Amino acid sequence: MAQHAYAPTILTTDGRYFDFTDPDPAAITLNAIARGLANTCRFGGQCRSFYSVAEHSIWVSRLVPAHLAVHGLLHDAAEAFIGDMPKPLKEMLPDYKRVEAKVEAVLFAQFGFISLPPEVKHIDRVMLATEQRQIMNNRDRWVGTDEPADIVLECLSPEQAYRAFMCRALELELLPVDYFSGGGDHA
């Protein structure tokens, strides 16, 4: 489908157009999610080492109860398309929050859920405290964080984070078992 130069779209890594005003589930693939999140640094890039939203999402999926692992892996998936905006700025931009809610609704429905359970939100706050202590240059307690997890962040490269995200999706049976042996479109 041809896109007008001024249409509110981006081209995904899969070669599909993603429309911010009318998100098409066909443009929301695990490959596009993994690539977008792996290439996106948390905290607006203001951390000591590159730390991707993909790695953050993998940790959330591992720390939540097993039956919520898919929710954990995909809790920030909208950011693959709309970017990761620091929360203080996001709170100032109601239009961004509306777009984010629309993208999340389509994305979550595509993967069979409506919203994020409180357990996922709790682990997201645990991860925030963990990340603050390991990759940020401060130690004051941020509002809304919980106690950090007893894990060590790896600060994976974008390519490593992409592969790790896709491997976690495979573990969670979101991908066919032959995905890495030629069954997937992971260009």
Protein backbone atom coordinates (compact mmCIF):
# COMPACT_ATOMS: atom_id res chain seq x y z
CA MET A 1 0.00 0.00 0.00
CA ALA A 2 1.42 3.37 -0.98
CA GLN A 3 1.75 5.92 1.78
CA HIS A 4 1.50 9.68 1.45
CA ALA A 5 4.70 11.46 2.49
CA TYR A 6 2.80 13.20 5.30
CA ALA A 7 0.81 10.23 6.56
CA PRO A 8 1.40 9.53 10.26
CA THR A 9 3.27 6.30 9.53
CA ILE A 10 6.64 4.66 9.98
CA LEU A 11 8.12 1.80 7.99
CA THR A 12 8.85 -1.25 10.14
CA THR A 13 11.81 -3.56 9.82
CA ASP A 14 9.43 -6.02 8.10
CA GLY A 15 8.73 -3.50 5.32
CA ARG A 16 5.19 -2.75 6.54
CA TYR A 17 3.79 0.69 7.24
CA PHE A 18 2.64 1.31 10.80
CA ASP A 19 -0.03 4.01 11.09
CA PHE A 20 -0.12 5.82 14.45
CA THR A 21 -3.76 6.89 13.96
CA ASP A 22 -5.03 3.48 12.83
CA PRO A 23 -2.64 0.70 13.90
CA ASP A 24 -3.01 -2.38 11.70
CA PRO A 25 -2.35 -5.65 13.54
CA ALA A 26 -0.57 -6.95 10.41
CA ALA A 27 2.21 -4.40 10.99
CA ILE A 28 2.67 -5.56 14.59
CA THR A 29 4.92 -8.61 14.29
CA LEU A 30 7.18 -10.12 16.92
CA ASN A 31 10.10 -9.39 14.61
CA ALA A 32 9.19 -5.69 14.42
CA ILE A 33 8.61 -5.57 18.17
CA ALA A 34 11.93 -7.26 18.94
CA ARG A 35 13.91 -5.05 16.51
CA GLY A 36 12.29 -1.85 17.74
CA LEU A 37 12.77 -2.66 21.42
CA ALA A 38 16.32 -3.96 20.93
CA ASN A 39 17.33 -0.74 19.19
CA THR A 40 15.69 1.48 21.84
CA CYS A 41 17.69 2.50 24.89
CA ARG A 42 15.86 2.95 28.19
CA PHE A 43 15.88 6.25 30.08
CA GLY A 44 16.22 8.37 26.95
CA GLY A 45 19.73 6.94 26.60
CA GLN A 46 20.81 8.58 29.87
CA CYS A 47 22.39 5.49 31.42
CA ARG A 48 26.01 4.42 31.82
CA SER A 49 25.75 1.66 29.21
CA PHE A 50 23.33 0.95 26.40
CA TYR A 51 20.41 -0.90 27.98
CA SER A 52 17.53 -1.76 25.70
CA VAL A 53 13.83 -1.93 26.28
CA ALA A 54 14.07 -5.50 24.89
CA GLU A 55 16.42 -6.60 27.69
CA HIS A 56 14.18 -4.88 30.25
CA SER A 57 11.15 -6.73 28.82
CA ILE A 58 12.93 -10.09 28.95
CA TRP A 59 13.70 -9.55 32.63
CA VAL A 60 10.10 -8.59 33.38
CA SER A 61 8.91 -11.77 31.62
CA ARG A 62 11.27 -13.87 33.75
CA LEU A 63 10.36 -12.26 37.07
CA VAL A 64 6.56 -12.30 36.83
CA PRO A 65 4.61 -15.47 37.65
CA ALA A 66 4.99 -17.96 34.77
CA HIS A 67 1.38 -17.60 33.61
CA LEU A 68 2.04 -13.86 33.02
CA ALA A 69 5.35 -14.25 31.16
CA VAL A 70 3.86 -13.24 27.79
CA HIS A 71 2.34 -10.13 29.40
CA GLY A 72 5.76 -9.34 30.87
CA LEU A 73 7.58 -9.77 27.58
CA LEU A 74 5.11 -7.56 25.72
CA HIS A 75 4.31 -4.99 28.42
CA ASP A 76 6.35 -2.27 26.64
CA ALA A 77 5.88 -3.60 23.09
CA ALA A 78 4.13 -0.40 21.94
CA GLU A 79 7.48 1.35 22.45
CA ALA A 80 8.82 -0.60 19.45
CA PHE A 81 6.69 1.73 17.34
CA ILE A 82 6.24 4.90 19.41
CA GLY A 83 9.61 4.97 21.19
CA ASP A 84 10.48 4.90 24.87
CA MET A 85 9.76 8.26 26.37
CA PRO A 86 10.95 9.08 29.90
CA LYS A 87 7.91 8.99 32.20
CA PRO A 88 8.21 12.60 33.43
CA LEU A 89 7.98 13.84 29.84
CA LYS A 90 5.27 11.33 28.90
CA GLU A 91 3.11 12.67 31.73
CA MET A 92 3.29 16.13 30.12
CA LEU A 93 2.11 14.94 26.70
CA PRO A 94 -1.52 13.78 26.73
CA ASP A 95 -1.56 13.27 22.94
CA TYR A 96 1.36 10.84 23.22
CA LYS A 97 -0.48 8.95 25.96
CA ARG A 98 -3.58 8.66 23.75
CA VAL A 99 -1.53 7.26 20.86
CA GLU A 100 0.21 4.87 23.25
CA ALA A 101 -3.15 3.63 24.61
CA LYS A 102 -4.48 3.06 21.07
CA VAL A 103 -1.35 1.13 20.02
CA GLU A 104 -1.40 -0.93 23.23
CA ALA A 105 -5.07 -1.83 22.74
CA VAL A 106 -4.42 -3.20 19.24
CA LEU A 107 -1.18 -4.90 20.25
CA PHE A 108 -2.52 -6.51 23.43
CA ALA A 109 -5.64 -7.75 21.61
CA GLN A 110 -3.44 -9.33 18.95
CA PHE A 111 -1.67 -11.35 21.64
CA GLY A 112 -4.85 -12.27 23.50
CA PHE A 113 -5.04 -9.92 26.45
CA ILE A 114 -6.71 -6.62 27.28
CA SER A 115 -4.53 -4.93 29.86
CA LEU A 116 -1.54 -5.50 32.10
CA PRO A 117 -2.14 -7.34 35.37
CA PRO A 118 -0.96 -5.64 38.59
CA GLU A 119 1.79 -8.27 38.99
CA VAL A 120 3.40 -7.11 35.73
CA LYS A 121 3.23 -3.47 36.80
CA HIS A 122 4.80 -4.41 40.16
CA ILE A 123 7.72 -6.20 38.48
CA ASP A 124 8.12 -3.23 36.12
CA ARG A 125 8.65 -1.05 39.23
CA VAL A 126 11.07 -3.65 40.67
CA MET A 127 13.02 -3.48 37.43
CA LEU A 128 13.06 0.32 37.56
CA ALA A 129 14.73 0.16 40.98
CA THR A 130 17.12 -2.54 39.75
CA GLU A 131 18.07 -0.53 36.67
CA GLN A 132 18.46 2.66 38.69
CA ARG A 133 20.99 0.99 40.97
CA GLN A 134 22.95 -0.81 38.27
CA ILE A 135 23.04 1.53 35.27
CA MET A 136 22.20 5.02 36.51
CA ASN A 137 24.46 7.51 38.29
CA ASN A 138 22.33 8.08 41.39
CA ARG A 139 21.11 6.21 44.43
CA ASP A 140 18.11 8.20 45.68
CA ARG A 141 14.87 6.24 45.75
CA TRP A 142 12.67 7.17 42.84
CA VAL A 143 8.96 7.63 43.45
CA GLY A 144 7.01 4.58 42.37
CA THR A 145 9.83 2.05 42.57
CA ASP A 146 9.87 -1.11 44.63
CA GLU A 147 12.81 -3.04 46.06
CA PRO A 148 15.32 -4.08 43.36
CA ALA A 149 15.58 -7.64 42.11
CA ASP A 150 18.61 -9.77 42.88
CA ILE A 151 19.75 -10.02 39.25
CA VAL A 152 22.63 -8.66 37.19
CA LEU A 153 21.75 -6.69 34.08
CA GLU A 154 23.81 -7.63 31.05
CA CYS A 155 23.48 -4.45 28.96
CA LEU A 156 23.26 -6.46 25.75
CA SER A 157 24.07 -4.95 22.37
CA PRO A 158 21.05 -4.30 20.14
CA GLU A 159 21.72 -7.47 18.13
CA GLN A 160 22.16 -9.58 21.27
CA ALA A 161 18.99 -8.10 22.77
CA TYR A 162 17.06 -8.82 19.57
CA ARG A 163 18.15 -12.47 19.56
CA ALA A 164 17.48 -12.84 23.30
CA PHE A 165 13.98 -11.35 22.89
CA MET A 166 13.19 -13.70 20.02
CA CYS A 167 14.55 -16.67 21.97
CA ARG A 168 12.33 -15.72 24.92
CA ALA A 169 9.35 -15.45 22.54
CA LEU A 170 10.21 -18.93 21.27
CA GLU A 171 10.36 -20.26 24.86
CA LEU A 172 6.92 -18.77 25.45
CA GLU A 173 5.61 -20.43 22.27
CA LEU A 174 4.93 -17.15 20.51
CA LEU A 175 7.01 -18.30 17.52
CA PRO A 176 7.11 -21.52 15.54
CA VAL A 177 9.83 -23.92 16.71
CA ASP A 178 11.65 -23.65 13.36
CA TYR A 179 11.87 -19.84 13.48
CA PHE A 180 15.67 -19.68 13.75
CA SER A 181 16.28 -22.47 11.27
CA GLY A 182 14.78 -20.62 8.36
CA GLY A 183 11.10 -20.60 9.30
CA GLY A 184 11.01 -16.93 10.32
CA ASP A 185 11.23 -13.65 8.45
CA HIS A 186 13.87 -12.07 10.65
CA ALA A 187 15.70 -9.99 8.09
